[in-house]
C-alpha atoms as a PDB file:
ATOM      1  CA  UNK A   1     -12.942 -11.612   7.629  1.00  0.00           C
ATOM      2  CA  UNK A   2     -11.955  -8.338   8.788  1.00  0.00           C
ATOM      3  CA  UNK A   3     -10.364  -5.815   6.237  1.00  0.00           C
ATOM      4  CA  UNK A   4      -7.196  -4.022   8.090  1.00  0.00           C
ATOM      5  CA  UNK A   5      -4.340  -1.918   7.714  1.00  0.00           C
ATOM      6  CA  UNK A   6      -0.520  -2.911   9.098  1.00  0.00           C
ATOM      7  CA  UNK A   7      -1.098  -0.023  11.020  1.00  0.00           C
ATOM      8  CA  UNK A   8      -3.906  -1.254  13.079  1.00  0.00           C
ATOM      9  CA  UNK A   9      -2.200  -4.424  13.814  1.00  0.00           C
ATOM     10  CA  UNK A  10       1.363  -4.172  14.061  1.00  0.00           C
ATOM     11  CA  UNK A  11       1.643  -2.256  17.135  1.00  0.00           C
ATOM     12  CA  UNK A  12       4.312  -2.681  19.472  1.00  0.00           C
ATOM     13  CA  UNK A  13       3.217  -2.988  23.222  1.00  0.00           C
ATOM     14  CA  UNK A  14       5.006  -4.426  26.180  1.00  0.00           C
ATOM     15  CA  UNK A  15       3.197  -7.925  25.728  1.00  0.00           C
ATOM     16  CA  UNK A  16       5.429  -8.333  22.591  1.00  0.00           C
ATOM     17  CA  UNK A  17       8.359  -9.197  25.025  1.00  0.00           C
ATOM     18  CA  UNK A  18       6.413  -9.724  28.209  1.00  0.00           C
ATOM     19  CA  UNK A  19       4.661 -12.842  27.372  1.00  0.00           C
ATOM     20  CA  UNK A  20       7.780 -14.836  25.942  1.00  0.00           C
ATOM     21  CA  UNK A  21       9.719 -13.806  28.881  1.00  0.00           C
ATOM     22  CA  UNK A  22       6.999 -14.803  31.147  1.00  0.00           C
ATOM     23  CA  UNK A  23       6.985 -18.246  29.788  1.00  0.00           C
ATOM     24  CA  UNK A  24      10.796 -18.785  29.657  1.00  0.00           C
ATOM     25  CA  UNK A  25      10.422 -18.025  33.133  1.00  0.00           C
ATOM     26  CA  UNK A  26       7.936 -20.317  33.984  1.00  0.00           C
ATOM     27  CA  UNK A  27      10.307 -23.178  32.283  1.00  0.00           C
ATOM     28  CA  UNK A  28      13.158 -21.971  34.354  1.00  0.00           C
ATOM     29  CA  UNK A  29      11.460 -21.735  37.309  1.00  0.00           C
ATOM     30  CA  UNK A  30       9.877 -25.537  37.018  1.00  0.00           C
ATOM     31  CA  UNK A  31      13.539 -26.733  36.543  1.00  0.00           C
ATOM     32  CA  UNK A  32      15.008 -24.870  39.355  1.00  0.00           C
ATOM     33  CA  UNK A  33      12.168 -25.946  41.879  1.00  0.00           C
ATOM     34  CA  UNK A  34      12.774 -29.634  40.499  1.00  0.00           C
ATOM     35  CA  UNK A  35      16.470 -29.331  41.005  1.00  0.00           C
ATOM     36  CA  UNK A  36      16.204 -27.628  44.435  1.00  0.00           C
ATOM     37  CA  UNK A  37      13.892 -29.668  46.021  1.00  0.00           C
ATOM     38  CA  UNK A  38      14.916 -32.703  44.097  1.00  0.00           C
ATOM     39  CA  UNK A  39      11.298 -33.474  42.522  1.00  0.00           C
ATOM     40  CA  UNK A  40      10.749 -36.515  40.454  1.00  0.00           C
ATOM     41  CA  UNK A  41       8.556 -34.498  37.560  1.00  0.00           C
ATOM     42  CA  UNK A  42      10.276 -35.319  34.605  1.00  0.00           C
ATOM     43  CA  UNK A  43       8.388 -38.562  35.219  1.00  0.00           C
ATOM     44  CA  UNK A  44       5.062 -36.917  34.471  1.00  0.00           C
ATOM     45  CA  UNK A  45       5.908 -36.437  30.787  1.00  0.00           C
ATOM     46  CA  UNK A  46       3.903 -37.992  27.642  1.00  0.00           C
ATOM     47  CA  UNK A  47       3.852 -41.738  27.998  1.00  0.00           C
ATOM     48  CA  UNK A  48       2.340 -42.504  24.692  1.00  0.00           C
ATOM     49  CA  UNK A  49      -1.026 -44.552  24.752  1.00  0.00           C
ATOM     50  CA  UNK A  50      -1.281 -45.001  28.472  1.00  0.00           C
ATOM     51  CA  UNK A  51      -3.941 -43.253  30.468  1.00  0.00           C
ATOM     52  CA  UNK A  52      -1.342 -42.180  32.930  1.00  0.00           C
ATOM     53  CA  UNK A  53       0.428 -40.454  30.290  1.00  0.00           C
ATOM     54  CA  UNK A  54      -1.984 -38.201  29.155  1.00  0.00           C
ATOM     55  CA  UNK A  55      -1.036 -35.802  32.033  1.00  0.00           C
ATOM     56  CA  UNK A  56       2.144 -35.163  30.171  1.00  0.00           C
ATOM     57  CA  UNK A  57       0.139 -33.418  27.200  1.00  0.00           C
ATOM     58  CA  UNK A  58      -0.794 -30.450  29.084  1.00  0.00           C
ATOM     59  CA  UNK A  59       2.592 -29.832  31.553  1.00  0.00           C
ATOM     60  CA  UNK A  60       5.597 -31.800  29.272  1.00  0.00           C
ATOM     61  CA  UNK A  61       6.817 -28.160  27.868  1.00  0.00           C
ATOM     62  CA  UNK A  62       7.803 -27.529  31.359  1.00  0.00           C
ATOM     63  CA  UNK A  63       9.502 -30.254  32.036  1.00  0.00           C
ATOM     64  CA  UNK A  64      13.689 -30.233  30.563  1.00  0.00           C
ATOM     65  CA  UNK A  65      16.000 -33.248  31.346  1.00  0.00           C
ATOM     66  CA  UNK A  66      19.148 -30.931  31.928  1.00  0.00           C
ATOM     67  CA  UNK A  67      20.365 -27.288  31.777  1.00  0.00           C
ATOM     68  CA  UNK A  68      21.427 -27.763  28.386  1.00  0.00           C
ATOM     69  CA  UNK A  69      17.989 -28.830  27.027  1.00  0.00           C
ATOM     70  CA  UNK A  70      16.658 -26.028  28.808  1.00  0.00           C
ATOM     71  CA  UNK A  71      18.874 -23.431  27.154  1.00  0.00           C
ATOM     72  CA  UNK A  72      18.244 -24.780  23.370  1.00  0.00           C
ATOM     73  CA  UNK A  73      14.350 -24.505  24.174  1.00  0.00           C
ATOM     74  CA  UNK A  74      14.521 -21.076  25.873  1.00  0.00           C
ATOM     75  CA  UNK A  75      16.134 -19.285  23.350  1.00  0.00           C
ATOM     76  CA  UNK A  76      13.938 -20.190  19.989  1.00  0.00           C
ATOM     77  CA  UNK A  77      10.798 -20.173  22.225  1.00  0.00           C
ATOM     78  CA  UNK A  78      11.355 -16.740  23.111  1.00  0.00           C
ATOM     79  CA  UNK A  79      12.040 -15.214  19.936  1.00  0.00           C
ATOM     80  CA  UNK A  80       9.235 -17.182  17.919  1.00  0.00           C
ATOM     81  CA  UNK A  81       6.761 -16.209  20.701  1.00  0.00           C
ATOM     82  CA  UNK A  82       8.060 -12.421  20.026  1.00  0.00           C
ATOM     83  CA  UNK A  83       7.062 -12.636  16.267  1.00  0.00           C
ATOM     84  CA  UNK A  84       3.920 -14.650  17.036  1.00  0.00           C
ATOM     85  CA  UNK A  85       2.235 -11.980  19.596  1.00  0.00           C
ATOM     86  CA  UNK A  86       3.466  -8.954  17.214  1.00  0.00           C
ATOM     87  CA  UNK A  87       2.845 -10.089  13.949  1.00  0.00           C
ATOM     88  CA  UNK A  88      -0.646 -12.312  15.259  1.00  0.00           C
ATOM     89  CA  UNK A  89      -1.842 -10.490  18.536  1.00  0.00           C
ATOM     90  CA  UNK A  90      -5.338 -11.893  18.102  1.00  0.00           C
ATOM     91  CA  UNK A  91      -4.576 -15.525  17.683  1.00  0.00           C
ATOM     92  CA  UNK A  92      -1.245 -15.331  19.701  1.00  0.00           C
ATOM     93  CA  UNK A  93      -2.747 -16.985  23.009  1.00  0.00           C
ATOM     94  CA  UNK A  94      -4.944 -19.613  21.042  1.00  0.00           C
ATOM     95  CA  UNK A  95      -1.948 -20.882  19.155  1.00  0.00           C
ATOM     96  CA  UNK A  96       0.363 -21.296  21.952  1.00  0.00           C
ATOM     97  CA  UNK A  97      -2.885 -22.932  24.125  1.00  0.00           C
ATOM     98  CA  UNK A  98      -4.166 -25.138  21.410  1.00  0.00           C
ATOM     99  CA  UNK A  99      -0.222 -25.812  20.494  1.00  0.00           C
ATOM    100  CA  UNK A 100       0.565 -27.130  23.504  1.00  0.00           C
ATOM    101  CA  UNK A 101      -3.036 -29.514  23.646  1.00  0.00           C
ATOM    102  CA  UNK A 102      -2.972 -30.681  20.410  1.00  0.00           C
ATOM    103  CA  UNK A 103       0.641 -31.234  19.594  1.00  0.00           C
ATOM    104  CA  UNK A 104       1.190 -33.216  23.002  1.00  0.00           C
ATOM    105  CA  UNK A 105      -1.971 -35.346  22.234  1.00  0.00           C
ATOM    106  CA  UNK A 106      -0.966 -36.075  18.818  1.00  0.00           C
ATOM    107  CA  UNK A 107       2.763 -37.180  20.283  1.00  0.00           C
ATOM    108  CA  UNK A 108       0.778 -39.264  22.797  1.00  0.00           C
ATOM    109  CA  UNK A 109      -1.284 -40.914  19.854  1.00  0.00           C
ATOM    110  CA  UNK A 110       2.050 -41.633  17.638  1.00  0.00           C
ATOM    111  CA  UNK A 111       5.027 -41.705  19.966  1.00  0.00           C
ATOM    112  CA  UNK A 112       7.425 -44.500  20.929  1.00  0.00           C
ATOM    113  CA  UNK A 113       6.889 -46.302  23.951  1.00  0.00           C
ATOM    114  CA  UNK A 114       8.938 -43.856  26.689  1.00  0.00           C
ATOM    115  CA  UNK A 115       8.676 -40.470  27.740  1.00  0.00           C
ATOM    116  CA  UNK A 116       8.450 -37.482  25.904  1.00  0.00           C
ATOM    117  CA  UNK A 117       9.502 -34.302  27.737  1.00  0.00           C
ATOM    118  CA  UNK A 118      10.513 -30.420  26.878  1.00  0.00           C
ATOM    119  CA  UNK A 119       9.171 -27.813  24.990  1.00  0.00           C
ATOM    120  CA  UNK A 120      10.205 -28.457  21.858  1.00  0.00           C
ATOM    121  CA  UNK A 121       6.975 -29.672  20.311  1.00  0.00           C
ATOM    122  CA  UNK A 122       5.661 -26.106  21.423  1.00  0.00           C
ATOM    123  CA  UNK A 123       8.612 -24.808  19.263  1.00  0.00           C
ATOM    124  CA  UNK A 124       7.733 -26.621  16.348  1.00  0.00           C
ATOM    125  CA  UNK A 125       4.333 -25.332  16.416  1.00  0.00           C
ATOM    126  CA  UNK A 126       5.301 -21.461  16.377  1.00  0.00           C
ATOM    127  CA  UNK A 127       7.722 -22.246  13.674  1.00  0.00           C
ATOM    128  CA  UNK A 128       5.353 -24.252  11.599  1.00  0.00           C
ATOM    129  CA  UNK A 129       2.544 -21.949  12.305  1.00  0.00           C
ATOM    130  CA  UNK A 130       4.533 -18.522  11.518  1.00  0.00           C
ATOM    131  CA  UNK A 131       6.165 -20.110   8.372  1.00  0.00           C
ATOM    132  CA  UNK A 132       3.035 -21.272   6.672  1.00  0.00           C
ATOM    133  CA  UNK A 133       0.642 -18.625   7.874  1.00  0.00           C
ATOM    134  CA  UNK A 134       3.208 -16.039   6.589  1.00  0.00           C
ATOM    135  CA  UNK A 135       2.868 -17.800   3.240  1.00  0.00           C
ATOM    136  CA  UNK A 136      -0.694 -18.197   2.765  1.00  0.00           C
ATOM    137  CA  UNK A 137      -1.203 -14.423   3.795  1.00  0.00           C
ATOM    138  CA  UNK A 138       0.168 -13.287   0.618  1.00  0.00           C
ATOM    139  CA  UNK A 139       1.500 -10.100   2.300  1.00  0.00           C
ATOM    140  CA  UNK A 140       4.863  -9.122   1.767  1.00  0.00           C
ATOM    141  CA  UNK A 141       5.900  -8.365   5.565  1.00  0.00           C
ATOM    142  CA  UNK A 142       4.523 -11.821   6.977  1.00  0.00           C
ATOM    143  CA  UNK A 143       6.252 -13.410   3.878  1.00  0.00           C
ATOM    144  CA  UNK A 144       9.092 -12.053   4.679  1.00  0.00           C
ATOM    145  CA  UNK A 145       8.980 -12.987   8.114  1.00  0.00           C
ATOM    146  CA  UNK A 146       8.518 -16.599   6.813  1.00  0.00           C
ATOM    147  CA  UNK A 147      11.336 -16.205   4.871  1.00  0.00           C
ATOM    148  CA  UNK A 148      13.401 -15.336   8.136  1.00  0.00           C
ATOM    149  CA  UNK A 149      11.857 -17.764   9.811  1.00  0.00           C
ATOM    150  CA  UNK A 150      12.870 -20.638   7.786  1.00  0.00           C
ATOM    151  CA  UNK A 151      16.447 -18.662   7.304  1.00  0.00           C
ATOM    152  CA  UNK A 152      17.458 -18.887  10.698  1.00  0.00           C
ATOM    153  CA  UNK A 153      15.363 -22.155  12.073  1.00  0.00           C
ATOM    154  CA  UNK A 154      15.413 -24.066   9.028  1.00  0.00           C
ATOM    155  CA  UNK A 155      17.742 -26.670  10.021  1.00  0.00           C
ATOM    156  CA  UNK A 156      14.785 -27.690  12.452  1.00  0.00           C
ATOM    157  CA  UNK A 157      12.990 -29.536   9.734  1.00  0.00           C
ATOM    158  CA  UNK A 158      15.495 -32.361   9.493  1.00  0.00           C
ATOM    159  CA  UNK A 159      14.352 -33.317  13.330  1.00  0.00           C
ATOM    160  CA  UNK A 160      10.973 -34.459  12.548  1.00  0.00           C
ATOM    161  CA  UNK A 161      12.500 -37.669  10.812  1.00  0.00           C
ATOM    162  CA  UNK A 162      13.428 -40.847  12.596  1.00  0.00           C
ATOM    163  CA  UNK A 163      16.781 -39.921  14.380  1.00  0.00           C
ATOM    164  CA  UNK A 164      19.168 -42.640  15.331  1.00  0.00           C
ATOM    165  CA  UNK A 165      19.564 -40.539  18.717  1.00  0.00           C
ATOM    166  CA  UNK A 166      16.852 -42.595  20.801  1.00  0.00           C
ATOM    167  CA  UNK A 167      16.531 -39.182  23.533  1.00  0.00           C
ATOM    168  CA  UNK A 168      15.473 -37.141  20.625  1.00  0.00           C
ATOM    169  CA  UNK A 169      11.648 -37.216  20.216  1.00  0.00           C
ATOM    170  CA  UNK A 170      11.204 -36.664  16.591  1.00  0.00           C
ATOM    171  CA  UNK A 171       7.718 -37.778  17.249  1.00  0.00           C
ATOM    172  CA  UNK A 172       7.185 -34.722  19.324  1.00  0.00           C
ATOM    173  CA  UNK A 173       8.823 -32.308  16.807  1.00  0.00           C
ATOM    174  CA  UNK A 174       6.615 -34.149  13.932  1.00  0.00           C
ATOM    175  CA  UNK A 175       3.423 -33.621  15.900  1.00  0.00           C
ATOM    176  CA  UNK A 176       4.336 -29.567  16.805  1.00  0.00           C
ATOM    177  CA  UNK A 177       5.160 -29.251  12.956  1.00  0.00           C
ATOM    178  CA  UNK A 178       1.149 -30.828  12.110  1.00  0.00           C
ATOM    179  CA  UNK A 179      -0.336 -28.983  14.788  1.00  0.00           C
ATOM    180  CA  UNK A 180       1.232 -25.468  13.605  1.00  0.00           C
ATOM    181  CA  UNK A 181       0.203 -26.602   9.978  1.00  0.00           C
ATOM    182  CA  UNK A 182      -3.118 -27.038  10.945  1.00  0.00           C
ATOM    183  CA  UNK A 183      -3.740 -23.828  13.106  1.00  0.00           C
ATOM    184  CA  UNK A 184      -2.192 -21.668  10.200  1.00  0.00           C
ATOM    185  CA  UNK A 185      -5.179 -23.177   8.194  1.00  0.00           C
ATOM    186  CA  UNK A 186      -7.883 -22.906  10.865  1.00  0.00           C
ATOM    187  CA  UNK A 187      -7.178 -19.586  12.390  1.00  0.00           C
ATOM    188  CA  UNK A 188      -8.210 -16.777  10.078  1.00  0.00           C
ATOM    189  CA  UNK A 189      -6.319 -13.645  10.404  1.00  0.00           C
ATOM    190  CA  UNK A 190      -6.689 -10.134   8.844  1.00  0.00           C
ATOM    191  CA  UNK A 191      -6.701  -9.271   5.601  1.00  0.00           C
ATOM    192  CA  UNK A 192      -4.296  -6.597   4.760  1.00  0.00           C
ATOM    193  CA  UNK A 193      -5.650  -3.681   2.272  1.00  0.00           C
ATOM    194  CA  UNK A 194      -3.212  -2.725  -0.561  1.00  0.00           C
ATOM    195  CA  UNK A 195      -0.900   0.028  -0.063  1.00  0.00           C
ATOM    196  CA  UNK A 196      -1.611   3.508  -1.022  1.00  0.00           C
ATOM    197  CA  UNK A 197      -1.133   3.717  -5.027  1.00  0.00           C
ATOM    198  CA  UNK A 198      -0.416   6.896  -6.610  1.00  0.00           C
ATOM    199  CA  UNK A 199      -1.752   8.004  -9.891  1.00  0.00           C
ATOM    200  CA  UNK A 200       1.340   7.615 -11.409  1.00  0.00           C
ATOM    201  CA  UNK A 201       1.752   3.588 -10.772  1.00  0.00           C
ATOM    202  CA  UNK A 202      -1.992   2.663 -12.060  1.00  0.00           C
ATOM    203  CA  UNK A 203      -2.268   1.155 -14.899  1.00  0.00           C
ATOM    204  CA  UNK A 204      -4.633   3.630 -16.563  1.00  0.00           C
ATOM    205  CA  UNK A 205      -2.029   6.211 -15.973  1.00  0.00           C
ATOM    206  CA  UNK A 206      -2.088   8.765 -18.828  1.00  0.00           C
ATOM    207  CA  UNK A 207       1.205  10.892 -18.654  1.00  0.00           C
ATOM    208  CA  UNK A 208      -0.108  13.533 -21.454  1.00  0.00           C
ATOM    209  CA  UNK A 209      -2.748  14.746 -18.748  1.00  0.00           C
ATOM    210  CA  UNK A 210      -0.977  14.978 -15.728  1.00  0.00           C
ATOM    211  CA  UNK A 211       0.032  18.457 -14.820  1.00  0.00           C
ATOM    212  CA  UNK A 212       3.110  17.713 -13.283  1.00  0.00           C
ATOM    213  CA  UNK A 213       4.434  15.827 -16.500  1.00  0.00           C
ATOM    214  CA  UNK A 214       3.526  18.744 -18.406  1.00  0.00           C
ATOM    215  CA  UNK A 215       6.775  20.223 -16.875  1.00  0.00           C
ATOM    216  CA  UNK A 216       8.750  17.691 -19.120  1.00  0.00           C
ATOM    217  CA  UNK A 217       9.574  18.250 -22.805  1.00  0.00           C
ATOM    218  CA  UNK A 218       9.939  15.367 -25.222  1.00  0.00           C
ATOM    219  CA  UNK A 219      13.735  14.526 -24.170  1.00  0.00           C
ATOM    220  CA  UNK A 220      12.690  14.156 -20.639  1.00  0.00           C
ATOM    221  CA  UNK A 221      14.077  17.724 -19.448  1.00  0.00           C
ATOM    222  CA  UNK A 222      12.447  19.389 -16.944  1.00  0.00           C
ATOM    223  CA  UNK A 223      10.859  22.638 -18.952  1.00  0.00           C
ATOM    224  CA  UNK A 224       8.934  24.702 -16.750  1.00  0.00           C
ATOM    225  CA  UNK A 225       5.331  25.934 -17.694  1.00  0.00           C
ATOM    226  CA  UNK A 226       5.465  29.884 -17.854  1.00  0.00           C
ATOM    227  CA  UNK A 227       2.269  31.086 -15.926  1.00  0.00           C
ATOM    228  CA  UNK A 228      -0.922  32.460 -17.930  1.00  0.00           C
ATOM    229  CA  UNK A 229      -0.786  35.946 -17.888  1.00  0.00           C
ATOM    230  CA  UNK A 230      -3.417  37.620 -15.554  1.00  0.00           C
ATOM    231  CA  UNK A 231      -5.004  40.686 -17.016  1.00  0.00           C
ATOM    232  CA  UNK A 232      -5.749  42.872 -13.815  1.00  0.00           C
ATOM    233  CA  UNK A 233      -8.501  45.522 -14.080  1.00  0.00           C
ATOM    234  CA  UNK A 234      -7.619  48.950 -13.760  1.00  0.00           C
ATOM    235  CA  UNK A 235      -9.859  50.289 -11.055  1.00  0.00           C
ATOM    236  CA  UNK A 236      -8.384  53.692 -10.986  1.00  0.00           C
ATOM    237  CA  UNK A 237     -10.337  55.010 -13.636  1.00  0.00           C
ATOM    238  CA  UNK A 238     -13.517  54.189 -12.102  1.00  0.00           C
ATOM    239  CA  UNK A 239     -12.675  55.900  -8.515  1.00  0.00           C
ATOM    240  CA  UNK A 240     -15.573  57.458  -7.222  1.00  0.00           C
ATOM    241  CA  UNK A 241     -15.956  61.191  -7.636  1.00  0.00           C
ATOM    242  CA  UNK A 242     -17.916  63.575  -5.575  1.00  0.00           C
ATOM    243  CA  UNK A 243     -21.277  64.051  -7.196  1.00  0.00           C
ATOM    244  CA  UNK A 244     -22.445  67.810  -6.664  1.00  0.00           C
ATOM    245  CA  UNK A 245     -25.664  69.067  -6.365  1.00  0.00           C
ATOM    246  CA  UNK A 246     -26.869  72.498  -6.802  1.00  0.00           C
ATOM    247  CA  UNK A 247     -29.740  74.550  -5.124  1.00  0.00           C
ATOM    248  CA  UNK A 248     -31.166  77.648  -6.168  1.00  0.00           C
ATOM    249  CA  UNK A 249     -33.148  79.563  -3.829  1.00  0.00           C
ATOM    250  CA  UNK A 250     -34.729  83.081  -4.733  1.00  0.00           C
ATOM    251  CA  UNK A 251     -34.209  85.852  -1.951  1.00  0.00           C
ATOM    252  CA  UNK A 252     -35.899  89.446  -2.613  1.00  0.00           C
ATOM    253  CA  UNK A 253     -33.238  92.203  -2.421  1.00  0.00           C
ATOM    254  CA  UNK A 254     -33.459  94.389   0.732  1.00  0.00           C
ATOM    255  CA  UNK A 255     -32.800  97.677  -1.222  1.00  0.00           C
ATOM    256  CA  UNK A 256     -34.716  97.303  -4.294  1.00  0.00           C
ATOM    257  CA  UNK A 257     -38.368  96.471  -4.847  1.00  0.00           C
ATOM    258  CA  UNK A 258     -39.331  93.619  -7.226  1.00  0.00           C
ATOM    259  CA  UNK A 259     -35.820  93.115  -7.706  1.00  0.00           C
ATOM    260  CA  UNK A 260     -34.165  89.745  -6.747  1.00  0.00           C
ATOM    261  CA  UNK A 261     -31.208  88.018  -7.278  1.00  0.00           C
ATOM    262  CA  UNK A 262     -30.334  83.954  -7.111  1.00  0.00           C
ATOM    263  CA  UNK A 263     -27.926  82.809  -4.223  1.00  0.00           C
ATOM    264  CA  UNK A 264     -26.079  79.365  -5.141  1.00  0.00           C
ATOM    265  CA  UNK A 265     -25.562  77.086  -2.337  1.00  0.00           C
ATOM    266  CA  UNK A 266     -23.284  74.217  -3.320  1.00  0.00           C
ATOM    267  CA  UNK A 267     -23.354  71.281  -1.350  1.00  0.00           C
ATOM    268  CA  UNK A 268     -21.482  68.181  -1.933  1.00  0.00           C
ATOM    269  CA  UNK A 269     -22.695  64.430  -1.212  1.00  0.00           C
END
């Protein structure tokens, strides 16, 4: 499993909102065409344990009974898909595609006789995956996301149990919940490295040996340490003095034979 940092993975891009938006628009486009052209598309839903009903495994998320059904599915799908793409970018498409297939197939196996339609099964896949994967990650941001998800959509859990409302496909909800949990276990995501830890946060930190902590007295008051005096060498005494060389040259006197005197020439170097 790849080691990574949140800065490497949690990167915002237009795909965070573009993919959910395209999904919602596709729901509305199918619904609009069905209503405008009076197409009997809803008959293509999941019909459990029938061969013809298998076609609904892949297309049922795009089929909705009425406008209210469509709106109720569009909002949570958009929000949960945004969270999926941002926090689990590497597996987002796999979760969506496999989620549609396996939740639909499981609904086909366990569902009551009838016609199961709507994107609610996929929404339960997203809800389940985000919640359980965040708890499994042991990373505080993803755990916080799990808690937020259960806080906002936690009431959905009651609709995975048999309902008195015969129009509610609790089997589809349960199938989505199970599929999301299975994908959270199966798909491996990044192991995030620990956040940077300062020296004073480490268990073996010794305040007595820390240069900064030496500025505090025993009562915890800040006491600046006087800098040690630096003795600068006085180089003035070692200033270079010119070196004088003396040259003596014998010159005979022009008026006196044999007499001579010396002439001193002084040069400086």
